[in-house]
Amino acid sequence: MDLGSYCEFVTFNTPQIATEGTFKVNRNCSADINLSVGGLAAQVQVTRDKQMYAGRFQAQDGAVSGTTSGVRQ
């Protein structure tokens, strides 16, 4: 069942924003994230049990950058 993909920017207190894109996990548990919202691109490290990730992102052609993390729900 595909529940869709959503971004929520805690710093800016936004609601969940629907987005499309890819989340590709590599053999070494690193992952590349590319989302349509803001042209977001991230390089992250995924935990061994694939329940969490943390890393860096940039968006809006590099005008916005920072850290990102996620927890599987």
N, C-alpha and C. Protein backbone atom coordinates (compact mmCIF):
# COMPACT_ATOMS: atom_id res chain seq x y z
N MET A 1 0.84 -1.18 0.00
CA MET A 1 0.00 0.00 0.00
C MET A 1 0.89 1.24 0.00
N ASP A 2 0.70 2.11 -0.95
CA ASP A 2 1.47 3.34 -1.05
C ASP A 2 0.72 4.45 -0.32
N LEU A 3 1.33 4.95 0.77
CA LEU A 3 0.70 6.00 1.55
C LEU A 3 1.09 7.40 1.07
N GLY A 4 1.95 7.47 0.07
CA GLY A 4 2.38 8.76 -0.44
C GLY A 4 3.60 9.26 0.30
N SER A 5 4.07 10.40 -0.12
CA SER A 5 5.27 11.00 0.44
C SER A 5 4.94 12.43 0.86
N TYR A 6 5.37 12.80 2.07
CA TYR A 6 5.09 14.13 2.60
C TYR A 6 6.33 14.73 3.24
N CYS A 7 6.48 16.03 3.12
CA CYS A 7 7.52 16.76 3.84
C CYS A 7 6.83 17.65 4.86
N GLU A 8 7.49 17.80 5.99
CA GLU A 8 6.99 18.71 7.02
C GLU A 8 8.20 19.46 7.56
N PHE A 9 8.22 20.77 7.41
CA PHE A 9 9.36 21.57 7.82
C PHE A 9 9.12 22.09 9.23
N VAL A 10 9.74 21.41 10.20
CA VAL A 10 9.52 21.72 11.60
C VAL A 10 9.95 23.15 11.92
N THR A 11 11.09 23.58 11.38
CA THR A 11 11.60 24.92 11.65
C THR A 11 10.60 26.00 11.24
N PHE A 12 9.89 25.76 10.14
CA PHE A 12 8.94 26.75 9.64
C PHE A 12 7.51 26.42 10.03
N ASN A 13 7.30 25.36 10.82
CA ASN A 13 5.99 24.96 11.31
C ASN A 13 4.97 24.82 10.18
N THR A 14 5.33 24.07 9.15
CA THR A 14 4.43 23.87 8.00
C THR A 14 3.57 22.63 8.21
N PRO A 15 2.43 22.58 7.53
CA PRO A 15 1.66 21.34 7.52
C PRO A 15 2.39 20.32 6.65
N GLN A 16 1.88 19.11 6.56
CA GLN A 16 2.46 18.11 5.67
C GLN A 16 2.22 18.54 4.23
N ILE A 17 3.29 18.56 3.43
CA ILE A 17 3.24 18.98 2.03
C ILE A 17 3.49 17.75 1.17
N ALA A 18 2.52 17.40 0.34
CA ALA A 18 2.68 16.24 -0.54
C ALA A 18 3.80 16.49 -1.53
N THR A 19 4.60 15.47 -1.81
CA THR A 19 5.69 15.60 -2.77
C THR A 19 5.87 14.28 -3.51
N GLU A 20 6.61 14.34 -4.58
CA GLU A 20 6.99 13.15 -5.33
C GLU A 20 8.50 13.10 -5.38
N GLY A 21 9.05 11.94 -5.67
CA GLY A 21 10.49 11.84 -5.79
C GLY A 21 10.98 10.43 -5.53
N THR A 22 12.29 10.33 -5.25
CA THR A 22 12.90 9.03 -5.03
C THR A 22 13.71 9.02 -3.75
N PHE A 23 13.84 7.84 -3.17
CA PHE A 23 14.66 7.58 -1.99
C PHE A 23 15.38 6.28 -2.29
N LYS A 24 16.64 6.38 -2.73
CA LYS A 24 17.40 5.21 -3.17
C LYS A 24 18.42 4.83 -2.10
N VAL A 25 18.27 3.64 -1.52
CA VAL A 25 19.20 3.14 -0.51
C VAL A 25 20.29 2.33 -1.21
N ASN A 26 21.54 2.69 -0.93
CA ASN A 26 22.70 2.01 -1.51
C ASN A 26 23.14 0.85 -0.63
N ARG A 27 24.00 -0.02 -1.15
CA ARG A 27 24.47 -1.20 -0.41
C ARG A 27 25.15 -0.86 0.91
N ASN A 28 25.79 0.31 1.00
CA ASN A 28 26.50 0.69 2.22
C ASN A 28 25.61 1.43 3.22
N CYS A 29 24.31 1.38 3.03
CA CYS A 29 23.30 2.03 3.88
C CYS A 29 23.31 3.56 3.76
N SER A 30 24.01 4.10 2.79
CA SER A 30 23.82 5.51 2.49
C SER A 30 22.61 5.58 1.57
N ALA A 31 22.05 6.76 1.42
CA ALA A 31 20.88 6.91 0.55
C ALA A 31 20.91 8.28 -0.11
N ASP A 32 20.32 8.33 -1.29
CA ASP A 32 20.16 9.58 -2.03
C ASP A 32 18.68 9.87 -2.12
N ILE A 33 18.30 11.09 -1.70
CA ILE A 33 16.89 11.50 -1.72
C ILE A 33 16.76 12.65 -2.71
N ASN A 34 15.79 12.57 -3.60
CA ASN A 34 15.49 13.64 -4.54
C ASN A 34 13.98 13.84 -4.55
N LEU A 35 13.53 15.00 -4.10
CA LEU A 35 12.10 15.29 -4.01
C LEU A 35 11.73 16.48 -4.87
N SER A 36 10.50 16.47 -5.36
CA SER A 36 10.04 17.56 -6.22
C SER A 36 9.83 18.86 -5.45
N VAL A 37 9.49 18.78 -4.18
CA VAL A 37 9.23 19.98 -3.40
C VAL A 37 10.53 20.75 -3.20
N GLY A 38 10.63 21.92 -3.77
CA GLY A 38 11.81 22.77 -3.63
C GLY A 38 13.07 22.24 -4.30
N GLY A 39 12.94 21.19 -5.11
CA GLY A 39 14.13 20.60 -5.73
C GLY A 39 15.09 20.05 -4.70
N LEU A 40 14.55 19.45 -3.63
CA LEU A 40 15.35 18.96 -2.53
C LEU A 40 16.19 17.75 -2.92
N ALA A 41 17.48 17.81 -2.62
CA ALA A 41 18.40 16.69 -2.82
C ALA A 41 19.15 16.48 -1.51
N ALA A 42 19.22 15.22 -1.06
CA ALA A 42 19.87 14.93 0.22
C ALA A 42 20.74 13.69 0.10
N GLN A 43 21.79 13.68 0.90
CA GLN A 43 22.64 12.51 1.06
C GLN A 43 22.57 12.16 2.54
N VAL A 44 22.14 10.95 2.85
CA VAL A 44 21.92 10.56 4.23
C VAL A 44 22.51 9.18 4.51
N GLN A 45 22.59 8.85 5.79
CA GLN A 45 22.99 7.52 6.24
C GLN A 45 21.78 6.89 6.91
N VAL A 46 21.45 5.66 6.51
CA VAL A 46 20.30 4.94 7.04
C VAL A 46 20.78 3.97 8.11
N THR A 47 20.02 3.85 9.22
CA THR A 47 20.39 2.88 10.25
C THR A 47 20.26 1.47 9.71
N ARG A 48 20.97 0.56 10.32
CA ARG A 48 21.00 -0.84 9.86
C ARG A 48 19.60 -1.45 9.79
N ASP A 49 18.72 -1.08 10.73
CA ASP A 49 17.35 -1.64 10.73
C ASP A 49 16.38 -0.85 9.83
N LYS A 50 16.90 0.17 9.16
CA LYS A 50 16.14 1.00 8.21
C LYS A 50 14.95 1.72 8.85
N GLN A 51 15.07 2.04 10.14
CA GLN A 51 14.00 2.74 10.83
C GLN A 51 14.24 4.26 10.91
N MET A 52 15.49 4.70 10.69
CA MET A 52 15.82 6.12 10.78
C MET A 52 16.90 6.47 9.76
N TYR A 53 16.99 7.77 9.44
CA TYR A 53 18.11 8.27 8.65
C TYR A 53 18.47 9.66 9.13
N ALA A 54 19.69 10.08 8.83
CA ALA A 54 20.15 11.43 9.15
C ALA A 54 21.21 11.82 8.11
N GLY A 55 21.25 13.10 7.78
CA GLY A 55 22.23 13.57 6.81
C GLY A 55 22.05 15.04 6.48
N ARG A 56 22.49 15.41 5.27
CA ARG A 56 22.46 16.80 4.82
C ARG A 56 21.60 16.93 3.58
N PHE A 57 21.03 18.12 3.37
CA PHE A 57 20.23 18.39 2.18
C PHE A 57 20.53 19.77 1.64
N GLN A 58 20.14 19.97 0.41
CA GLN A 58 20.09 21.32 -0.16
C GLN A 58 18.89 21.39 -1.08
N ALA A 59 18.36 22.59 -1.24
CA ALA A 59 17.16 22.80 -2.05
C ALA A 59 17.23 24.17 -2.70
N GLN A 60 16.28 24.42 -3.57
CA GLN A 60 16.17 25.71 -4.26
C GLN A 60 17.51 26.12 -4.87
N ASP A 61 18.08 25.20 -5.65
CA ASP A 61 19.36 25.43 -6.34
C ASP A 61 20.48 25.83 -5.40
N GLY A 62 20.51 25.25 -4.19
CA GLY A 62 21.57 25.50 -3.24
C GLY A 62 21.33 26.69 -2.33
N ALA A 63 20.23 27.43 -2.52
CA ALA A 63 19.95 28.60 -1.68
C ALA A 63 19.59 28.21 -0.25
N VAL A 64 19.10 26.99 -0.06
CA VAL A 64 18.71 26.50 1.27
C VAL A 64 19.46 25.19 1.51
N SER A 65 20.07 25.04 2.67
CA SER A 65 20.74 23.79 3.00
C SER A 65 20.69 23.56 4.50
N GLY A 66 20.92 22.34 4.91
CA GLY A 66 20.90 22.05 6.34
C GLY A 66 20.93 20.56 6.58
N THR A 67 20.50 20.17 7.79
CA THR A 67 20.47 18.76 8.16
C THR A 67 19.06 18.23 7.99
N THR A 68 18.96 16.93 7.80
CA THR A 68 17.66 16.27 7.67
C THR A 68 17.71 14.95 8.41
N SER A 69 16.57 14.56 8.96
CA SER A 69 16.47 13.25 9.60
C SER A 69 15.04 12.76 9.42
N GLY A 70 14.88 11.46 9.52
CA GLY A 70 13.55 10.89 9.36
C GLY A 70 13.42 9.60 10.15
N VAL A 71 12.19 9.31 10.56
CA VAL A 71 11.87 8.11 11.29
C VAL A 71 10.74 7.40 10.57
N ARG A 72 10.89 6.12 10.37
CA ARG A 72 9.85 5.33 9.71
C ARG A 72 8.62 5.25 10.60
N GLN A 73 7.45 5.46 10.02
CA GLN A 73 6.21 5.39 10.79
C GLN A 73 5.34 4.27 10.32
